[in-house]
N, C-alpha and C. Protein backbone atom coordinates (compact mmCIF):
# COMPACT_ATOMS: atom_id res chain seq x y z
N MET A 1 5.49 14.35 -11.39
CA MET A 1 5.21 14.30 -12.77
C MET A 1 5.15 13.13 -13.17
N LYS A 2 6.72 12.81 -12.56
CA LYS A 2 7.42 11.43 -12.30
C LYS A 2 7.11 9.67 -12.21
N PHE A 3 5.90 9.97 -11.56
CA PHE A 3 4.64 9.14 -11.76
C PHE A 3 4.29 8.85 -12.62
N ARG A 4 3.98 10.19 -13.23
CA ARG A 4 2.01 10.31 -13.91
C ARG A 4 2.70 9.35 -15.59
N LEU A 5 4.26 9.54 -16.07
CA LEU A 5 4.28 8.82 -17.14
C LEU A 5 3.70 7.45 -17.04
N GLY A 6 4.76 7.04 -15.92
CA GLY A 6 4.89 5.10 -15.23
C GLY A 6 3.13 5.11 -14.95
N HIS A 7 2.57 5.57 -15.21
CA HIS A 7 0.95 5.18 -14.70
C HIS A 7 0.42 5.23 -16.17
N VAL A 8 0.58 6.22 -17.12
CA VAL A 8 0.02 6.03 -17.89
C VAL A 8 0.50 4.70 -18.94
N PHE A 9 1.25 4.72 -19.25
CA PHE A 9 2.36 3.43 -19.89
C PHE A 9 1.37 2.44 -18.77
N ARG A 10 1.34 1.77 -17.52
CA ARG A 10 1.06 0.34 -17.24
C ARG A 10 -0.66 1.00 -17.13
N THR A 11 -1.41 1.73 -17.37
CA THR A 11 -2.07 1.63 -17.80
C THR A 11 -2.99 1.55 -19.23
N VAL A 12 -2.18 1.91 -20.09
CA VAL A 12 -1.96 1.39 -21.52
C VAL A 12 -1.73 0.12 -21.97
N PHE A 13 -0.59 -0.41 -21.43
CA PHE A 13 -0.16 -2.07 -21.02
C PHE A 13 -0.63 -2.64 -20.45
N GLY A 14 -1.77 -2.14 -19.42
CA GLY A 14 -2.16 -2.81 -18.63
C GLY A 14 -1.42 -4.02 -17.73
N PHE A 15 -0.77 -3.05 -17.46
CA PHE A 15 0.26 -4.09 -15.98
C PHE A 15 -0.20 -3.72 -14.21
N TYR A 16 -1.12 -2.74 -14.47
CA TYR A 16 -1.99 -2.70 -12.99
C TYR A 16 -1.61 -4.35 -12.53
N GLN A 17 -1.66 -4.98 -12.04
CA GLN A 17 -1.99 -6.20 -11.09
C GLN A 17 -2.83 -6.77 -10.70
N LYS A 18 -3.84 -5.17 -10.34
CA LYS A 18 -5.51 -5.13 -9.54
C LYS A 18 -5.94 -4.28 -10.57
N LYS A 19 -7.41 -4.70 -10.48
CA LYS A 19 -8.56 -4.16 -11.41
C LYS A 19 -8.53 -2.76 -10.55
N PHE A 20 -9.44 -1.56 -10.94
CA PHE A 20 -9.32 -0.17 -10.05
C PHE A 20 -10.64 -0.52 -9.37
N ASN A 21 -11.22 -0.09 -8.28
CA ASN A 21 -12.21 -0.35 -7.89
C ASN A 21 -12.60 1.57 -7.37
N GLN A 22 -13.69 1.92 -7.91
CA GLN A 22 -13.58 3.55 -6.62
C GLN A 22 -14.77 3.51 -5.60
N GLN A 23 -15.38 1.99 -5.43
CA GLN A 23 -15.67 2.28 -4.13
C GLN A 23 -14.52 1.60 -3.13
N TRP A 24 -13.42 0.96 -3.05
CA TRP A 24 -12.52 1.32 -2.57
C TRP A 24 -11.43 2.48 -2.39
N ASP A 25 -11.43 2.94 -3.39
CA ASP A 25 -10.58 4.56 -3.67
C ASP A 25 -11.46 5.27 -3.12
N SER A 26 -12.38 5.08 -2.84
CA SER A 26 -13.15 6.46 -1.55
C SER A 26 -13.20 6.00 -0.02
N LEU A 27 -13.47 4.86 0.20
CA LEU A 27 -12.55 4.35 1.15
C LEU A 27 -11.18 4.71 2.00
N LEU A 28 -10.54 4.12 1.11
CA LEU A 28 -9.08 4.81 0.91
C LEU A 28 -8.54 5.66 1.50
N ASN A 29 -9.67 6.56 1.02
CA ASN A 29 -9.29 8.36 0.93
C ASN A 29 -9.73 8.38 2.19
N GLU A 30 -10.96 8.01 2.62
CA GLU A 30 -11.02 8.67 4.00
C GLU A 30 -10.43 7.93 5.14
N ILE A 31 -9.83 6.61 4.70
CA ILE A 31 -9.20 5.79 5.78
C ILE A 31 -7.61 6.84 5.96
N LEU A 32 -6.94 7.63 4.72
CA LEU A 32 -5.64 8.24 4.55
C LEU A 32 -6.05 9.64 5.45
N GLU A 33 -7.47 10.26 5.61
CA GLU A 33 -7.99 10.95 5.74
C GLU A 33 -7.84 11.06 7.76
N ASN A 34 -8.76 10.23 7.75
CA ASN A 34 -9.49 10.30 9.08
C ASN A 34 -8.88 8.79 10.29
N GLY A 35 -7.99 8.35 9.40
CA GLY A 35 -7.57 6.51 10.16
C GLY A 35 -6.18 7.22 10.70
N ASP A 36 -5.90 6.11 11.61
CA ASP A 36 -4.56 6.00 12.22
C ASP A 36 -3.39 5.13 11.97
N ILE A 37 -2.18 5.60 12.12
CA ILE A 37 -1.27 4.26 11.00
C ILE A 37 -0.71 3.75 12.56
N GLN A 38 -0.95 2.26 12.33
CA GLN A 38 -1.04 1.52 13.91
C GLN A 38 0.61 0.71 14.19
N GLU A 39 0.58 -0.13 12.53
CA GLU A 39 1.93 -0.12 12.72
C GLU A 39 2.31 -0.27 10.65
N VAL A 40 4.03 -0.67 10.49
CA VAL A 40 4.15 -0.24 9.13
C VAL A 40 5.18 -1.48 9.07
N GLU A 41 5.24 -2.08 7.88
CA GLU A 41 5.46 -3.41 7.53
C GLU A 41 6.33 -3.45 6.57
N LYS A 42 7.00 -4.50 6.23
CA LYS A 42 7.48 -4.90 5.14
C LYS A 42 6.55 -4.44 3.68
N CYS A 43 5.58 -5.02 3.71
CA CYS A 43 4.34 -5.14 2.08
C CYS A 43 3.40 -4.73 2.73
N THR A 44 3.10 -4.47 4.38
CA THR A 44 2.01 -3.58 4.49
C THR A 44 1.73 -2.24 5.52
N VAL A 45 1.27 -1.74 5.44
CA VAL A 45 0.69 -0.33 6.52
C VAL A 45 -0.80 -1.28 7.15
N ASP A 46 -1.23 -1.43 8.47
CA ASP A 46 -2.18 -1.63 9.82
C ASP A 46 -2.89 0.38 9.76
N PHE A 47 -3.96 0.29 9.26
CA PHE A 47 -4.73 1.46 9.38
C PHE A 47 -5.74 1.41 10.37
N SER A 48 -5.83 2.14 11.70
CA SER A 48 -7.09 2.18 12.17
C SER A 48 -7.97 3.13 12.07
N TYR A 49 -9.55 2.35 11.99
CA TYR A 49 -10.62 3.29 11.27
C TYR A 49 -11.74 2.84 11.53
N LYS A 50 -12.78 3.81 12.38
CA LYS A 50 -13.84 3.18 12.22
C LYS A 50 -13.92 2.30 13.34
N GLY A 51 -13.34 1.88 14.04
CA GLY A 51 -12.77 0.34 14.79
C GLY A 51 -12.37 -0.50 14.24
N ASP A 52 -11.85 -0.54 13.06
CA ASP A 52 -11.55 -1.90 12.18
C ASP A 52 -9.84 -1.28 12.31
N VAL A 53 -9.16 -2.41 11.72
CA VAL A 53 -7.67 -2.28 11.44
C VAL A 53 -7.77 -3.03 9.95
N TYR A 54 -7.45 -2.03 9.06
CA TYR A 54 -6.84 -2.39 7.69
C TYR A 54 -5.21 -2.45 7.48
N CYS A 55 -5.50 -3.10 6.33
CA CYS A 55 -4.02 -3.92 6.61
C CYS A 55 -3.94 -3.55 4.86
N ILE A 56 -3.17 -2.57 4.40
CA ILE A 56 -3.18 -2.30 3.02
C ILE A 56 -1.57 -2.33 2.99
N TRP A 57 -1.38 -3.21 1.32
CA TRP A 57 -0.47 -3.43 0.84
C TRP A 57 0.15 -2.42 0.35
N ILE A 58 1.51 -2.08 0.73
CA ILE A 58 2.34 -0.88 0.17
C ILE A 58 3.74 -1.46 -0.36
N SER A 59 4.25 -3.05 -1.09
CA SER A 59 5.05 -3.24 -1.44
C SER A 59 4.57 -2.97 -3.46
N ASN A 60 5.75 -3.48 -4.37
CA ASN A 60 5.13 -3.08 -5.58
C ASN A 60 4.95 -2.53 -6.18
N ARG A 61 5.27 -1.08 -5.20
CA ARG A 61 4.74 0.51 -6.04
C ARG A 61 4.72 0.63 -7.79
N TRP A 62 4.63 0.70 -8.17
CA TRP A 62 2.44 0.76 -7.96
C TRP A 62 2.18 -0.18 -9.19
N TYR A 63 2.63 -1.19 -9.00
CA TYR A 63 1.92 -2.18 -10.10
C TYR A 63 0.87 -3.39 -8.79
N ALA A 64 0.89 -3.68 -7.76
CA ALA A 64 0.25 -3.96 -7.16
C ALA A 64 0.18 -3.44 -5.73
N TYR A 65 -0.08 -2.12 -5.48
CA TYR A 65 0.22 -0.45 -4.52
C TYR A 65 -1.32 -0.54 -4.02
N GLY A 66 -1.83 -0.90 -2.39
CA GLY A 66 -2.75 0.05 -2.27
C GLY A 66 -3.86 -0.54 -2.21
N ASN A 67 -3.98 -1.73 -2.12
CA ASN A 67 -5.13 -2.79 -2.04
C ASN A 67 -5.47 -3.24 0.08
N LEU A 68 -6.35 -3.45 -0.35
CA LEU A 68 -6.54 -4.18 1.03
C LEU A 68 -6.20 -5.19 0.82
N TYR A 69 -5.30 -6.02 1.92
CA TYR A 69 -4.41 -6.75 1.84
C TYR A 69 -5.74 -8.08 2.97
N ALA A 70 -5.85 -6.97 3.99
CA ALA A 70 -6.25 -7.89 5.18
C ALA A 70 -7.52 -6.66 5.63
N LEU A 71 -8.33 -7.16 6.65
CA LEU A 71 -9.60 -6.50 7.84
C LEU A 71 -9.20 -7.07 8.56
N ASN A 72 -9.31 -6.18 10.02
CA ASN A 72 -9.28 -7.07 11.04
C ASN A 72 -8.63 -8.50 11.43
N ASN A 73 -6.51 -8.19 11.01
CA ASN A 73 -6.41 -9.46 10.85
C ASN A 73 -7.24 -10.64 10.34
N LYS A 74 -7.64 -10.62 9.25
CA LYS A 74 -8.30 -11.90 8.22
C LYS A 74 -7.67 -11.44 6.85
N ASP A 75 -7.42 -12.19 6.01
CA ASP A 75 -6.97 -12.08 4.75
C ASP A 75 -8.25 -12.22 3.60
N VAL A 76 -8.13 -10.59 3.02
CA VAL A 76 -9.48 -10.59 2.05
C VAL A 76 -10.00 -11.48 0.91
N GLY A 77 -8.55 -11.73 0.64
CA GLY A 77 -8.92 -12.85 -0.24
C GLY A 77 -8.19 -12.27 -2.09
N SER A 78 -8.18 -13.15 -2.68
CA SER A 78 -7.42 -11.54 -4.10
C SER A 78 -8.60 -10.84 -4.94
N GLU A 79 -10.04 -11.84 -4.13
CA GLU A 79 -11.19 -11.31 -5.31
C GLU A 79 -11.66 -9.82 -4.81
N LEU A 80 -11.58 -10.02 -3.46
CA LEU A 80 -11.44 -8.32 -2.83
C LEU A 80 -10.79 -7.66 -2.94
N GLU A 81 -9.38 -7.88 -3.65
CA GLU A 81 -8.16 -6.72 -3.48
C GLU A 81 -8.30 -5.74 -4.93
N PHE A 82 -8.66 -4.73 -5.02
CA PHE A 82 -8.99 -3.63 -5.91
C PHE A 82 -7.40 -2.40 -5.73
N ARG A 83 -7.16 -1.62 -6.94
CA ARG A 83 -6.29 -0.77 -6.82
C ARG A 83 -7.40 0.40 -6.69
N PRO A 84 -6.48 1.38 -5.62
CA PRO A 84 -7.03 2.83 -5.93
C PRO A 84 -6.99 3.23 -7.57
N ALA A 85 -7.76 4.70 -7.46
CA ALA A 85 -7.23 5.49 -8.26
C ALA A 85 -5.65 6.01 -8.17
N PHE A 86 -5.15 6.20 -9.08
CA PHE A 86 -2.87 7.01 -8.79
C PHE A 86 -3.05 7.61 -7.89
N LYS A 87 -4.38 8.91 -8.29
CA LYS A 87 -4.00 10.03 -7.00
C LYS A 87 -3.70 9.53 -5.68
N THR A 88 -4.53 8.42 -5.67
CA THR A 88 -4.47 7.93 -4.09
C THR A 88 -3.92 7.16 -3.93
N MET A 89 -3.04 6.47 -4.76
CA MET A 89 -2.05 5.46 -4.86
C MET A 89 -0.42 6.72 -4.55
N VAL A 90 -0.77 7.79 -4.21
CA VAL A 90 0.39 8.67 -4.61
C VAL A 90 -0.14 9.14 -3.45
N ARG A 91 -0.59 9.30 -2.73
CA ARG A 91 -0.99 10.10 -1.63
C ARG A 91 -1.04 9.02 -0.27
N LEU A 92 -1.37 7.70 -0.89
CA LEU A 92 -0.50 6.76 0.12
C LEU A 92 0.71 6.58 0.00
N TYR A 93 1.40 6.49 -0.85
CA TYR A 93 2.91 6.62 -1.25
C TYR A 93 3.47 7.81 0.66
N GLU A 94 3.13 8.86 -0.02
CA GLU A 94 3.79 9.75 0.20
C GLU A 94 3.05 10.01 2.18
N ILE A 95 2.30 9.11 2.50
CA ILE A 95 1.47 9.45 3.74
C ILE A 95 2.58 8.14 4.62
N THR A 96 3.13 7.36 3.99
CA THR A 96 3.67 5.95 4.47
C THR A 96 5.56 5.67 4.41
N ARG A 97 5.46 6.63 3.36
CA ARG A 97 7.32 6.32 2.45
C ARG A 97 8.01 6.16 3.88
N HIS A 98 8.37 7.61 4.80
CA HIS A 98 9.69 7.89 5.55
C HIS A 98 9.51 6.28 6.33
N LYS A 99 8.09 6.57 7.07
CA LYS A 99 7.65 4.36 7.87
C LYS A 99 8.45 3.43 7.48
N HIS A 100 8.07 3.54 6.10
CA HIS A 100 8.18 2.28 5.42
C HIS A 100 9.68 2.36 5.10
N ALA A 101 10.43 3.15 4.81
CA ALA A 101 11.83 3.10 4.66
C ALA A 101 12.43 3.10 5.78
N ALA A 102 12.05 3.43 6.57
CA ALA A 102 12.87 2.87 8.09
C ALA A 102 12.74 1.12 8.27
N VAL A 103 11.73 0.54 7.84
CA VAL A 103 11.38 -1.02 8.03
C VAL A 103 12.56 -1.26 7.43
N ILE A 104 12.86 -0.98 5.58
CA ILE A 104 13.46 -1.59 5.30
C ILE A 104 14.57 -1.44 5.40
N ASN A 105 15.26 -0.61 6.04
CA ASN A 105 16.36 0.17 6.27
C ASN A 105 17.02 -1.20 7.39
N ARG A 106 15.60 -1.13 8.12
CA ARG A 106 15.90 -1.84 9.73
C ARG A 106 16.23 -3.25 8.83
N ASP A 107 15.74 -3.96 8.11
CA ASP A 107 15.68 -5.52 7.65
C ASP A 107 16.71 -5.41 7.16
N ASP A 108 17.68 -4.25 6.31
CA ASP A 108 18.98 -4.47 5.56
C ASP A 108 19.92 -4.44 6.55
N ASP A 109 19.37 -4.02 7.81
CA ASP A 109 20.33 -3.64 8.46
C ASP A 109 21.01 -5.04 9.41
N TYR A 110 19.89 -5.73 9.62
CA TYR A 110 19.73 -6.75 9.92
C TYR A 110 20.21 -7.98 9.40
N ARG A 111 19.95 -7.84 7.85
CA ARG A 111 20.59 -8.91 6.90
C ARG A 111 22.09 -8.72 6.79
N ARG A 112 22.44 -7.56 6.85
CA ARG A 112 23.99 -7.40 6.98
C ARG A 112 24.89 -7.18 8.24
N ILE A 113 24.40 -7.38 9.12
CA ILE A 113 24.73 -7.80 10.97
C ILE A 113 24.67 -9.65 10.31
N TYR A 114 23.72 -9.62 10.30
CA TYR A 114 22.98 -11.54 11.38
C TYR A 114 23.15 -12.42 10.29
N VAL A 115 23.01 -12.36 8.81
CA VAL A 115 22.97 -12.89 7.65
C VAL A 115 24.29 -13.47 7.09
N ASN A 116 24.66 -11.91 6.30
CA ASN A 116 25.24 -11.73 5.18
C ASN A 116 27.05 -12.09 6.23
N ARG A 117 26.97 -12.65 6.74
CA ARG A 117 28.48 -13.34 7.49
C ARG A 117 29.41 -14.55 6.84
């Protein structure tokens, strides 16, 4: 429920940074259902699916979230970056949030120990 109100606000006022694309939404749902997480980084998650590696943007929740960032380590370019349906974004968040939080915490620990002296 708490996410839905924000979705309505972002939709009405045009705050999503990527346009919705049904084909990307369907493919991302297949990836979430049948793919395997390979790596989680600060801004992206890599899924292996049907012999390809899909690098999906998981930063800037929800404004620019869930778009394809790279395919097989090659940047797809902004013209091919679309957002999935909000329901799919929530599903992606639920699948990746714990691993993503661990990466963010690791980065914060590094800064606290080595940088902020």
